[in-house]
Amino acid sequence: MDGLGASPYSEVNDPFKMCDPPGFPRVELQELRGLQIIQMPMKVLVTYQNNQIWRNIWTDGRNFPKITEPRWYGYSVGKWVDDTTLVVETVGMDQRTWIDNVGRPHSEELRVEERFHRVNHDIIELTVTITDPQLYTKPWNALDKFPLRLQSESFDVREMLCSESEAEEYEKHVGEETKVKP
């Protein structure tokens, strides 16, 4: 067995395994599932199915605060560059988080740019660019024009939470069967 899930759950050093939040940008790069985007007068609210968390993206023209405390999902400001494109900059991510499932690290200089571009009524393309001059020689696209599709108003974003008790049950009943034998 290769890749994610190849190691027994008890031997993984993934912060998410300990029920730490996946953090940002990982929440968008780790099996992105349901999300809702809610536009408000001063901000855009993005709610994620994974761990049922949210991010505030301030669109009222403010700058980043002079001192940004580390946060699991950073501090985000956005601006509309045209009628169909919202560009969001995020800084201040907690260094305990990984960028993605592979475990790419980041420094306190991590800066993430998201471009939400509305292609038509039903599709928004999401592009995520990672910039961290301490750890990476140049910016790189973690997602490029990933399609997000509009669901009906009755669509229900299902619950998906990290639960240590459920992880323990899984390890007891399923994990033992998947352990790699020496």
N, C-alpha and C. Protein backbone atom coordinates (compact mmCIF):
# COMPACT_ATOMS: atom_id res chain seq x y z
N MET A 1 0.85 -1.17 0.00
CA MET A 1 0.00 0.00 0.00
C MET A 1 0.90 1.24 0.00
N ASP A 2 0.62 2.22 -0.86
CA ASP A 2 1.39 3.45 -0.93
C ASP A 2 0.50 4.64 -0.63
N GLY A 3 1.12 5.78 -0.28
CA GLY A 3 0.40 7.03 -0.16
C GLY A 3 -0.35 7.17 1.15
N LEU A 4 -1.31 8.09 1.13
CA LEU A 4 -2.10 8.40 2.32
C LEU A 4 -2.79 7.13 2.82
N GLY A 5 -2.62 6.84 4.08
CA GLY A 5 -3.24 5.65 4.67
C GLY A 5 -2.33 4.43 4.62
N ALA A 6 -1.10 4.59 4.08
CA ALA A 6 -0.20 3.45 3.96
C ALA A 6 0.38 3.03 5.30
N SER A 7 0.44 3.94 6.25
CA SER A 7 0.99 3.63 7.57
C SER A 7 -0.14 3.46 8.57
N PRO A 8 0.09 2.63 9.57
CA PRO A 8 -0.92 2.50 10.61
C PRO A 8 -1.18 3.86 11.25
N TYR A 9 -2.42 4.09 11.59
CA TYR A 9 -2.86 5.37 12.15
C TYR A 9 -2.02 5.79 13.35
N SER A 10 -1.63 4.83 14.19
CA SER A 10 -0.88 5.13 15.41
C SER A 10 0.55 5.58 15.13
N GLU A 11 1.05 5.38 13.90
CA GLU A 11 2.43 5.73 13.57
C GLU A 11 2.53 6.97 12.68
N VAL A 12 1.46 7.70 12.53
CA VAL A 12 1.44 8.87 11.66
C VAL A 12 1.68 10.12 12.49
N ASN A 13 2.53 11.05 11.98
CA ASN A 13 2.80 12.29 12.72
C ASN A 13 1.98 13.47 12.20
N ASP A 14 0.93 13.21 11.50
CA ASP A 14 0.07 14.24 10.94
C ASP A 14 -0.64 14.99 12.07
N PRO A 15 -0.53 16.33 12.11
CA PRO A 15 -1.22 17.08 13.17
C PRO A 15 -2.74 16.86 13.15
N PHE A 16 -3.30 16.63 11.97
CA PHE A 16 -4.74 16.41 11.85
C PHE A 16 -5.15 15.12 12.54
N LYS A 17 -4.24 14.15 12.61
CA LYS A 17 -4.51 12.87 13.29
C LYS A 17 -4.80 13.11 14.76
N MET A 18 -4.20 14.16 15.34
CA MET A 18 -4.40 14.47 16.76
C MET A 18 -5.62 15.36 16.95
N CYS A 19 -6.42 15.51 15.91
CA CYS A 19 -7.60 16.36 15.92
C CYS A 19 -7.26 17.84 16.00
N ASP A 20 -6.01 18.20 15.66
CA ASP A 20 -5.72 19.61 15.44
C ASP A 20 -6.44 20.00 14.16
N PRO A 21 -6.85 21.24 14.03
CA PRO A 21 -7.51 21.65 12.79
C PRO A 21 -6.58 21.46 11.60
N PRO A 22 -7.11 21.16 10.42
CA PRO A 22 -6.23 21.02 9.26
C PRO A 22 -5.50 22.32 8.93
N GLY A 23 -6.09 23.45 9.28
CA GLY A 23 -5.45 24.73 9.00
C GLY A 23 -5.59 25.13 7.55
N PHE A 24 -5.03 26.30 7.27
CA PHE A 24 -5.09 26.85 5.92
C PHE A 24 -3.68 26.95 5.37
N PRO A 25 -3.43 26.59 4.14
CA PRO A 25 -4.35 26.30 3.05
C PRO A 25 -4.75 24.83 2.94
N ARG A 26 -4.27 24.00 3.87
CA ARG A 26 -4.55 22.57 3.76
C ARG A 26 -6.03 22.25 3.65
N VAL A 27 -6.88 23.01 4.34
CA VAL A 27 -8.32 22.72 4.29
C VAL A 27 -8.82 22.74 2.84
N GLU A 28 -8.18 23.53 1.98
CA GLU A 28 -8.58 23.57 0.57
C GLU A 28 -7.81 22.55 -0.27
N LEU A 29 -6.69 22.06 0.22
CA LEU A 29 -5.85 21.16 -0.56
C LEU A 29 -5.99 19.71 -0.11
N GLN A 30 -6.72 19.46 0.96
CA GLN A 30 -6.90 18.12 1.50
C GLN A 30 -8.32 17.65 1.22
N GLU A 31 -8.48 16.91 0.16
CA GLU A 31 -9.79 16.33 -0.13
C GLU A 31 -10.91 17.35 0.02
N LEU A 32 -10.78 18.48 -0.65
CA LEU A 32 -11.77 19.54 -0.55
C LEU A 32 -13.15 18.97 -0.84
N ARG A 33 -14.02 19.11 0.11
CA ARG A 33 -15.38 18.60 -0.02
C ARG A 33 -16.32 19.77 -0.10
N GLY A 34 -17.40 19.72 0.65
CA GLY A 34 -18.38 20.79 0.60
C GLY A 34 -17.87 22.07 1.24
N LEU A 35 -18.21 23.17 0.62
CA LEU A 35 -17.96 24.47 1.21
C LEU A 35 -19.06 25.41 0.77
N GLN A 36 -19.28 26.42 1.57
CA GLN A 36 -20.26 27.44 1.22
C GLN A 36 -19.57 28.79 1.27
N ILE A 37 -19.89 29.63 0.31
CA ILE A 37 -19.34 30.98 0.25
C ILE A 37 -20.52 31.93 0.46
N ILE A 38 -20.40 32.77 1.47
CA ILE A 38 -21.49 33.68 1.84
C ILE A 38 -20.94 35.11 1.76
N GLN A 39 -21.50 35.90 0.87
CA GLN A 39 -21.05 37.28 0.72
C GLN A 39 -21.85 38.19 1.63
N MET A 40 -21.13 39.01 2.41
CA MET A 40 -21.74 39.96 3.34
C MET A 40 -21.20 41.35 2.99
N PRO A 41 -21.75 42.42 3.57
CA PRO A 41 -21.30 43.76 3.20
C PRO A 41 -19.81 44.02 3.43
N MET A 42 -19.22 43.54 4.53
CA MET A 42 -17.82 43.84 4.85
C MET A 42 -16.87 42.66 4.69
N LYS A 43 -17.43 41.49 4.42
CA LYS A 43 -16.58 40.30 4.34
C LYS A 43 -17.26 39.21 3.55
N VAL A 44 -16.45 38.22 3.18
CA VAL A 44 -16.94 36.99 2.60
C VAL A 44 -16.65 35.91 3.62
N LEU A 45 -17.62 35.09 3.90
CA LEU A 45 -17.48 34.00 4.86
C LEU A 45 -17.41 32.70 4.07
N VAL A 46 -16.36 31.91 4.31
CA VAL A 46 -16.24 30.60 3.67
C VAL A 46 -16.37 29.56 4.77
N THR A 47 -17.35 28.68 4.65
CA THR A 47 -17.52 27.60 5.62
C THR A 47 -17.14 26.29 4.93
N TYR A 48 -16.40 25.47 5.66
CA TYR A 48 -15.88 24.21 5.12
C TYR A 48 -16.53 23.03 5.82
N GLN A 49 -16.84 22.01 5.06
CA GLN A 49 -17.40 20.78 5.63
C GLN A 49 -16.39 20.13 6.57
N ASN A 50 -15.12 20.13 6.17
CA ASN A 50 -14.08 19.49 6.95
C ASN A 50 -13.92 20.22 8.28
N ASN A 51 -14.31 19.59 9.35
CA ASN A 51 -14.26 20.09 10.72
C ASN A 51 -15.23 21.23 10.96
N GLN A 52 -16.12 21.48 10.04
CA GLN A 52 -17.15 22.51 10.16
C GLN A 52 -16.57 23.82 10.70
N ILE A 53 -15.61 24.35 9.98
CA ILE A 53 -14.97 25.60 10.36
C ILE A 53 -15.28 26.67 9.33
N TRP A 54 -14.88 27.89 9.63
CA TRP A 54 -15.13 29.00 8.72
C TRP A 54 -13.91 29.91 8.68
N ARG A 55 -13.86 30.71 7.62
CA ARG A 55 -12.85 31.77 7.48
C ARG A 55 -13.55 33.07 7.14
N ASN A 56 -13.08 34.14 7.77
CA ASN A 56 -13.52 35.48 7.41
C ASN A 56 -12.53 36.05 6.41
N ILE A 57 -13.03 36.52 5.29
CA ILE A 57 -12.20 37.21 4.30
C ILE A 57 -12.72 38.65 4.27
N TRP A 58 -11.94 39.56 4.85
CA TRP A 58 -12.38 40.95 4.94
C TRP A 58 -12.26 41.62 3.58
N THR A 59 -13.36 42.23 3.12
CA THR A 59 -13.40 42.88 1.81
C THR A 59 -13.72 44.36 1.92
N ASP A 60 -13.52 44.92 3.12
CA ASP A 60 -13.87 46.33 3.36
C ASP A 60 -12.70 47.29 3.15
N GLY A 61 -11.61 46.81 2.54
CA GLY A 61 -10.48 47.67 2.23
C GLY A 61 -9.41 47.71 3.30
N ARG A 62 -9.59 46.99 4.39
CA ARG A 62 -8.59 47.02 5.46
C ARG A 62 -7.30 46.32 5.02
N ASN A 63 -6.21 46.67 5.69
CA ASN A 63 -4.92 46.01 5.50
C ASN A 63 -4.76 44.95 6.58
N PHE A 64 -3.67 44.18 6.48
CA PHE A 64 -3.37 43.23 7.54
C PHE A 64 -3.01 44.00 8.81
N PRO A 65 -3.33 43.47 9.97
CA PRO A 65 -2.91 44.15 11.20
C PRO A 65 -1.39 44.18 11.28
N LYS A 66 -0.84 45.17 12.00
CA LYS A 66 0.62 45.29 12.13
C LYS A 66 1.21 44.04 12.77
N ILE A 67 0.56 43.52 13.79
CA ILE A 67 1.00 42.28 14.42
C ILE A 67 -0.13 41.27 14.23
N THR A 68 0.21 40.18 13.56
CA THR A 68 -0.79 39.15 13.32
C THR A 68 -0.44 37.93 14.17
N GLU A 69 -1.32 37.57 15.11
CA GLU A 69 -1.08 36.37 15.90
C GLU A 69 -1.26 35.16 14.99
N PRO A 70 -0.47 34.11 15.21
CA PRO A 70 -0.65 32.92 14.39
C PRO A 70 -2.05 32.34 14.59
N ARG A 71 -2.69 31.97 13.50
CA ARG A 71 -4.02 31.37 13.54
C ARG A 71 -4.01 30.11 12.68
N TRP A 72 -4.89 29.18 13.02
CA TRP A 72 -4.99 27.95 12.23
C TRP A 72 -5.34 28.27 10.78
N TYR A 73 -6.16 29.29 10.55
CA TYR A 73 -6.61 29.61 9.20
C TYR A 73 -6.13 30.97 8.73
N GLY A 74 -5.19 31.56 9.46
CA GLY A 74 -4.58 32.81 9.06
C GLY A 74 -5.51 34.00 9.15
N TYR A 75 -5.07 35.09 8.58
CA TYR A 75 -5.83 36.34 8.54
C TYR A 75 -5.96 36.71 7.07
N SER A 76 -7.18 36.88 6.59
CA SER A 76 -7.42 37.04 5.16
C SER A 76 -8.06 38.38 4.82
N VAL A 77 -7.55 39.00 3.77
CA VAL A 77 -8.18 40.20 3.19
C VAL A 77 -8.34 39.94 1.70
N GLY A 78 -9.43 40.44 1.15
CA GLY A 78 -9.72 40.21 -0.25
C GLY A 78 -10.19 41.46 -0.95
N LYS A 79 -10.11 41.43 -2.26
CA LYS A 79 -10.64 42.54 -3.05
C LYS A 79 -11.13 42.01 -4.38
N TRP A 80 -12.17 42.63 -4.87
CA TRP A 80 -12.71 42.30 -6.17
C TRP A 80 -11.86 43.03 -7.21
N VAL A 81 -11.23 42.28 -8.13
CA VAL A 81 -10.42 42.92 -9.17
C VAL A 81 -11.25 43.20 -10.41
N ASP A 82 -12.38 42.53 -10.53
CA ASP A 82 -13.38 42.82 -11.56
C ASP A 82 -14.69 42.22 -11.07
N ASP A 83 -15.71 42.23 -11.90
CA ASP A 83 -17.04 41.75 -11.47
C ASP A 83 -17.09 40.26 -11.18
N THR A 84 -16.10 39.50 -11.65
CA THR A 84 -16.17 38.04 -11.51
C THR A 84 -14.98 37.42 -10.78
N THR A 85 -14.05 38.24 -10.26
CA THR A 85 -12.83 37.69 -9.66
C THR A 85 -12.54 38.32 -8.30
N LEU A 86 -12.52 37.47 -7.28
CA LEU A 86 -12.13 37.87 -5.93
C LEU A 86 -10.73 37.33 -5.67
N VAL A 87 -9.79 38.22 -5.32
CA VAL A 87 -8.42 37.81 -4.99
C VAL A 87 -8.25 37.98 -3.48
N VAL A 88 -7.81 36.90 -2.84
CA VAL A 88 -7.68 36.88 -1.38
C VAL A 88 -6.22 36.61 -1.02
N GLU A 89 -5.68 37.40 -0.09
CA GLU A 89 -4.35 37.19 0.46
C GLU A 89 -4.51 36.75 1.90
N THR A 90 -3.76 35.72 2.31
CA THR A 90 -3.83 35.23 3.69
C THR A 90 -2.42 35.10 4.25
N VAL A 91 -2.23 35.60 5.46
CA VAL A 91 -0.96 35.52 6.18
C VAL A 91 -1.24 35.08 7.61
N GLY A 92 -0.17 34.83 8.36
CA GLY A 92 -0.31 34.55 9.79
C GLY A 92 -0.78 33.15 10.13
N MET A 93 -0.42 32.15 9.30
CA MET A 93 -0.83 30.77 9.59
C MET A 93 0.03 30.17 10.70
N ASP A 94 -0.61 29.41 11.57
CA ASP A 94 0.05 28.71 12.65
C ASP A 94 1.04 27.71 12.07
N GLN A 95 2.27 27.71 12.56
CA GLN A 95 3.31 26.84 11.99
C GLN A 95 3.13 25.36 12.34
N ARG A 96 2.19 25.03 13.20
CA ARG A 96 1.93 23.61 13.48
C ARG A 96 1.21 22.94 12.32
N THR A 97 0.64 23.73 11.43
CA THR A 97 -0.11 23.15 10.32
C THR A 97 0.81 22.77 9.17
N TRP A 98 0.32 21.88 8.33
CA TRP A 98 1.00 21.52 7.08
C TRP A 98 0.30 22.28 5.96
N ILE A 99 1.02 22.47 4.86
CA ILE A 99 0.40 23.08 3.69
C ILE A 99 -0.60 22.12 3.04
N ASP A 100 -0.24 20.83 3.03
CA ASP A 100 -1.06 19.84 2.33
C ASP A 100 -0.92 18.48 3.00
N ASN A 101 -1.53 17.46 2.42
CA ASN A 101 -1.47 16.11 2.99
C ASN A 101 -0.09 15.49 2.97
N VAL A 102 0.76 15.94 2.05
CA VAL A 102 2.11 15.38 1.94
C VAL A 102 2.95 15.79 3.15
N GLY A 103 2.59 16.89 3.79
CA GLY A 103 3.31 17.35 4.95
C GLY A 103 4.28 18.48 4.65
N ARG A 104 4.07 19.17 3.51
CA ARG A 104 4.97 20.29 3.20
C ARG A 104 4.87 21.32 4.32
N PRO A 105 6.02 21.73 4.85
CA PRO A 105 6.02 22.70 5.95
C PRO A 105 5.93 24.13 5.41
N HIS A 106 5.83 25.06 6.34
CA HIS A 106 5.89 26.47 5.96
C HIS A 106 6.51 27.25 7.10
N SER A 107 6.95 28.45 6.78
CA SER A 107 7.52 29.34 7.79
C SER A 107 6.50 30.41 8.14
N GLU A 108 6.89 31.33 9.02
CA GLU A 108 5.99 32.43 9.36
C GLU A 108 5.83 33.40 8.20
N GLU A 109 6.63 33.24 7.14
CA GLU A 109 6.53 34.10 5.96
C GLU A 109 5.55 33.58 4.91
N LEU A 110 4.88 32.48 5.19
CA LEU A 110 3.92 31.93 4.23
C LEU A 110 2.86 32.96 3.88
N ARG A 111 2.63 33.09 2.60
CA ARG A 111 1.57 33.97 2.08
C ARG A 111 0.82 33.13 1.04
N VAL A 112 -0.50 33.11 1.15
CA VAL A 112 -1.32 32.33 0.23
C VAL A 112 -2.24 33.28 -0.52
N GLU A 113 -2.25 33.12 -1.85
CA GLU A 113 -3.19 33.89 -2.66
C GLU A 113 -4.22 32.93 -3.24
N GLU A 114 -5.49 33.29 -3.08
CA GLU A 114 -6.58 32.56 -3.71
C GLU A 114 -7.22 33.46 -4.75
N ARG A 115 -7.56 32.87 -5.88
CA ARG A 115 -8.33 33.57 -6.91
C ARG A 115 -9.61 32.79 -7.12
N PHE A 116 -10.71 33.41 -6.77
CA PHE A 116 -12.03 32.84 -7.02
C PHE A 116 -12.55 33.55 -8.26
N HIS A 117 -12.64 32.83 -9.36
CA HIS A 117 -13.09 33.45 -10.62
C HIS A 117 -14.38 32.77 -11.07
N ARG A 118 -15.44 33.56 -11.18
CA ARG A 118 -16.73 33.02 -11.61
C ARG A 118 -16.73 32.88 -13.13
N VAL A 119 -16.77 31.63 -13.60
CA VAL A 119 -16.75 31.34 -15.03
C VAL A 119 -18.14 31.57 -15.63
N ASN A 120 -19.15 31.05 -14.91
CA ASN A 120 -20.54 31.24 -15.32
C ASN A 120 -21.41 31.11 -14.08
N HIS A 121 -22.70 31.05 -14.26
CA HIS A 121 -23.61 31.00 -13.11
C HIS A 121 -23.32 29.83 -12.18
N ASP A 122 -22.91 28.68 -12.71
CA ASP A 122 -22.77 27.47 -11.91
C ASP A 122 -21.34 27.09 -11.52
N ILE A 123 -20.32 27.75 -12.08
CA ILE A 123 -18.94 27.32 -11.83
C ILE A 123 -18.06 28.50 -11.41
N ILE A 124 -17.32 28.29 -10.31
CA ILE A 124 -16.26 29.19 -9.87
C ILE A 124 -14.96 28.39 -9.94
N GLU A 125 -13.92 28.98 -10.52
CA GLU A 125 -12.61 28.33 -10.55
C GLU A 125 -11.77 28.89 -9.41
N LEU A 126 -11.11 27.99 -8.68
CA LEU A 126 -10.26 28.38 -7.55
C LEU A 126 -8.81 28.07 -7.90
N THR A 127 -7.96 29.10 -7.79
CA THR A 127 -6.52 28.93 -7.96
C THR A 127 -5.85 29.35 -6.65
N VAL A 128 -4.95 28.49 -6.14
CA VAL A 128 -4.26 28.75 -4.88
C VAL A 128 -2.76 28.80 -5.18
N THR A 129 -2.11 29.92 -4.82
CA THR A 129 -0.68 30.10 -5.03
C THR A 129 0.01 30.25 -3.67
N ILE A 130 1.07 29.47 -3.48
CA ILE A 130 1.85 29.45 -2.24
C ILE A 130 3.13 30.26 -2.45
N THR A 131 3.40 31.18 -1.54
CA THR A 131 4.66 31.93 -1.54
C THR A 131 5.24 31.86 -0.14
N ASP A 132 6.46 31.32 -0.02
CA ASP A 132 7.16 31.26 1.26
C ASP A 132 8.66 31.31 0.96
N PRO A 133 9.24 32.52 0.88
CA PRO A 133 10.63 32.66 0.47
C PRO A 133 11.63 31.99 1.41
N GLN A 134 11.24 31.70 2.64
CA GLN A 134 12.16 31.00 3.55
C GLN A 134 12.33 29.53 3.17
N LEU A 135 11.28 28.92 2.62
CA LEU A 135 11.33 27.48 2.36
C LEU A 135 11.25 27.08 0.88
N TYR A 136 10.74 27.96 0.02
CA TYR A 136 10.56 27.59 -1.39
C TYR A 136 11.22 28.65 -2.27
N THR A 137 11.89 28.20 -3.33
CA THR A 137 12.65 29.11 -4.18
C THR A 137 11.79 30.05 -5.01
N LYS A 138 10.55 29.65 -5.25
CA LYS A 138 9.65 30.52 -6.01
C LYS A 138 8.21 30.17 -5.65
N PRO A 139 7.27 31.08 -5.93
CA PRO A 139 5.85 30.76 -5.70
C PRO A 139 5.42 29.58 -6.57
N TRP A 140 4.45 28.82 -6.06
CA TRP A 140 3.94 27.67 -6.83
C TRP A 140 2.44 27.55 -6.64
N ASN A 141 1.81 27.04 -7.70
CA ASN A 141 0.36 26.82 -7.67
C ASN A 141 0.05 25.47 -7.06
N ALA A 142 -0.67 25.48 -5.96
CA ALA A 142 -1.11 24.24 -5.33
C ALA A 142 -2.41 23.75 -5.96
N LEU A 143 -3.23 24.67 -6.43
CA LEU A 143 -4.44 24.36 -7.19
C LEU A 143 -4.48 25.33 -8.37
N ASP A 144 -4.90 24.87 -9.51
CA ASP A 144 -5.00 25.76 -10.67
C ASP A 144 -6.35 25.57 -11.35
N LYS A 145 -7.20 26.54 -11.19
CA LYS A 145 -8.52 26.55 -11.82
C LYS A 145 -9.36 25.33 -11.43
N PHE A 146 -9.34 25.01 -10.14
CA PHE A 146 -10.13 23.91 -9.61
C PHE A 146 -11.61 24.31 -9.65
N PRO A 147 -12.46 23.52 -10.32
CA PRO A 147 -13.87 23.93 -10.46
C PRO A 147 -14.69 23.68 -9.20
N LEU A 148 -15.39 24.72 -8.76
CA LEU A 148 -16.35 24.62 -7.67
C LEU A 148 -17.72 24.78 -8.31
N ARG A 149 -18.62 23.84 -8.05
CA ARG A 149 -19.92 23.86 -8.71
C ARG A 149 -21.02 24.29 -7.75
N LEU A 150 -21.91 25.12 -8.25
CA LEU A 150 -23.05 25.60 -7.47
C LEU A 150 -24.02 24.45 -7.23
N GLN A 151 -24.46 24.32 -6.00
CA GLN A 151 -25.46 23.32 -5.64
C GLN A 151 -26.80 24.01 -5.44
N SER A 152 -27.86 23.23 -5.36
CA SER A 152 -29.18 23.81 -5.13
C SER A 152 -29.24 24.41 -3.72
N GLU A 153 -30.18 25.31 -3.51
CA GLU A 153 -30.31 25.95 -2.19
C GLU A 153 -30.65 24.96 -1.10
N SER A 154 -31.21 23.80 -1.45
CA SER A 154 -31.56 22.80 -0.45
C SER A 154 -30.40 21.85 -0.14
N PHE A 155 -29.25 22.04 -0.80
CA PHE A 155 -28.09 21.18 -0.57
C PHE A 155 -27.63 21.29 0.88
N ASP A 156 -27.42 20.17 1.52
CA ASP A 156 -27.02 20.13 2.92
C ASP A 156 -25.56 19.70 3.02
N VAL A 157 -24.71 20.58 3.57
CA VAL A 157 -23.32 20.22 3.80
C VAL A 157 -23.28 19.30 5.01
N ARG A 158 -22.87 18.06 4.77
CA ARG A 158 -22.90 17.06 5.83
C ARG A 158 -21.82 17.30 6.88
N GLU A 159 -22.07 16.81 8.07
CA GLU A 159 -21.13 16.93 9.17
C GLU A 159 -19.89 16.08 8.92
N MET A 160 -18.73 16.65 9.18
CA MET A 160 -17.47 15.92 9.06
C MET A 160 -16.53 16.48 10.11
N LEU A 161 -16.37 15.77 11.21
CA LEU A 161 -15.58 16.26 12.33
C LEU A 161 -14.47 15.29 12.67
N CYS A 162 -13.39 15.83 13.23
CA CYS A 162 -12.33 14.98 13.76
C CYS A 162 -12.79 14.56 15.15
N SER A 163 -12.86 13.26 15.37
CA SER A 163 -13.32 12.74 16.65
C SER A 163 -12.32 11.70 17.12
N GLU A 164 -11.62 12.01 18.21
CA GLU A 164 -10.62 11.07 18.71
C GLU A 164 -11.24 9.72 19.06
N SER A 165 -12.46 9.73 19.58
CA SER A 165 -13.09 8.45 19.94
C SER A 165 -13.37 7.62 18.70
N GLU A 166 -13.80 8.24 17.60
CA GLU A 166 -14.03 7.49 16.37
C GLU A 166 -12.72 7.00 15.77
N ALA A 167 -11.65 7.79 15.86
CA ALA A 167 -10.35 7.37 15.36
C ALA A 167 -9.84 6.16 16.15
N GLU A 168 -10.06 6.19 17.45
CA GLU A 168 -9.65 5.07 18.29
C GLU A 168 -10.41 3.80 17.92
N GLU A 169 -11.72 3.92 17.69
CA GLU A 169 -12.53 2.77 17.27
C GLU A 169 -12.04 2.23 15.93
N TYR A 170 -11.76 3.13 15.00
CA TYR A 170 -11.26 2.72 13.68
C TYR A 170 -9.97 1.94 13.84
N GLU A 171 -9.04 2.47 14.63
CA GLU A 171 -7.75 1.81 14.82
C GLU A 171 -7.94 0.42 15.43
N LYS A 172 -8.86 0.31 16.38
CA LYS A 172 -9.12 -0.97 17.05
C LYS A 172 -9.65 -2.03 16.08
N HIS A 173 -10.59 -1.62 15.24
CA HIS A 173 -11.29 -2.60 14.41
C HIS A 173 -10.77 -2.71 12.98
N VAL A 174 -10.26 -1.62 12.43
CA VAL A 174 -9.82 -1.65 11.04
C VAL A 174 -8.32 -1.46 10.94
N GLY A 175 -7.76 -0.61 11.76
CA GLY A 175 -6.33 -0.29 11.69
C GLY A 175 -5.43 -1.47 11.83
N GLU A 176 -5.76 -2.38 12.74
CA GLU A 176 -4.93 -3.58 12.94
C GLU A 176 -4.82 -4.40 11.67
N GLU A 177 -5.92 -4.45 10.89
CA GLU A 177 -5.90 -5.24 9.66
C GLU A 177 -5.02 -4.62 8.58
N THR A 178 -4.80 -3.30 8.65
CA THR A 178 -4.04 -2.63 7.58
C THR A 178 -2.60 -2.39 7.93
N LYS A 179 -2.17 -2.79 9.12
CA LYS A 179 -0.77 -2.57 9.51
C LYS A 179 0.15 -3.32 8.57
N VAL A 180 1.26 -2.67 8.22
CA VAL A 180 2.26 -3.28 7.35
C VAL A 180 3.07 -4.27 8.18
N LYS A 181 3.15 -5.49 7.71
CA LYS A 181 3.89 -6.55 8.41
C LYS A 181 5.37 -6.45 8.03
N PRO A 182 6.29 -6.57 9.03
CA PRO A 182 7.74 -6.50 8.74
C PRO A 182 8.22 -7.68 7.93
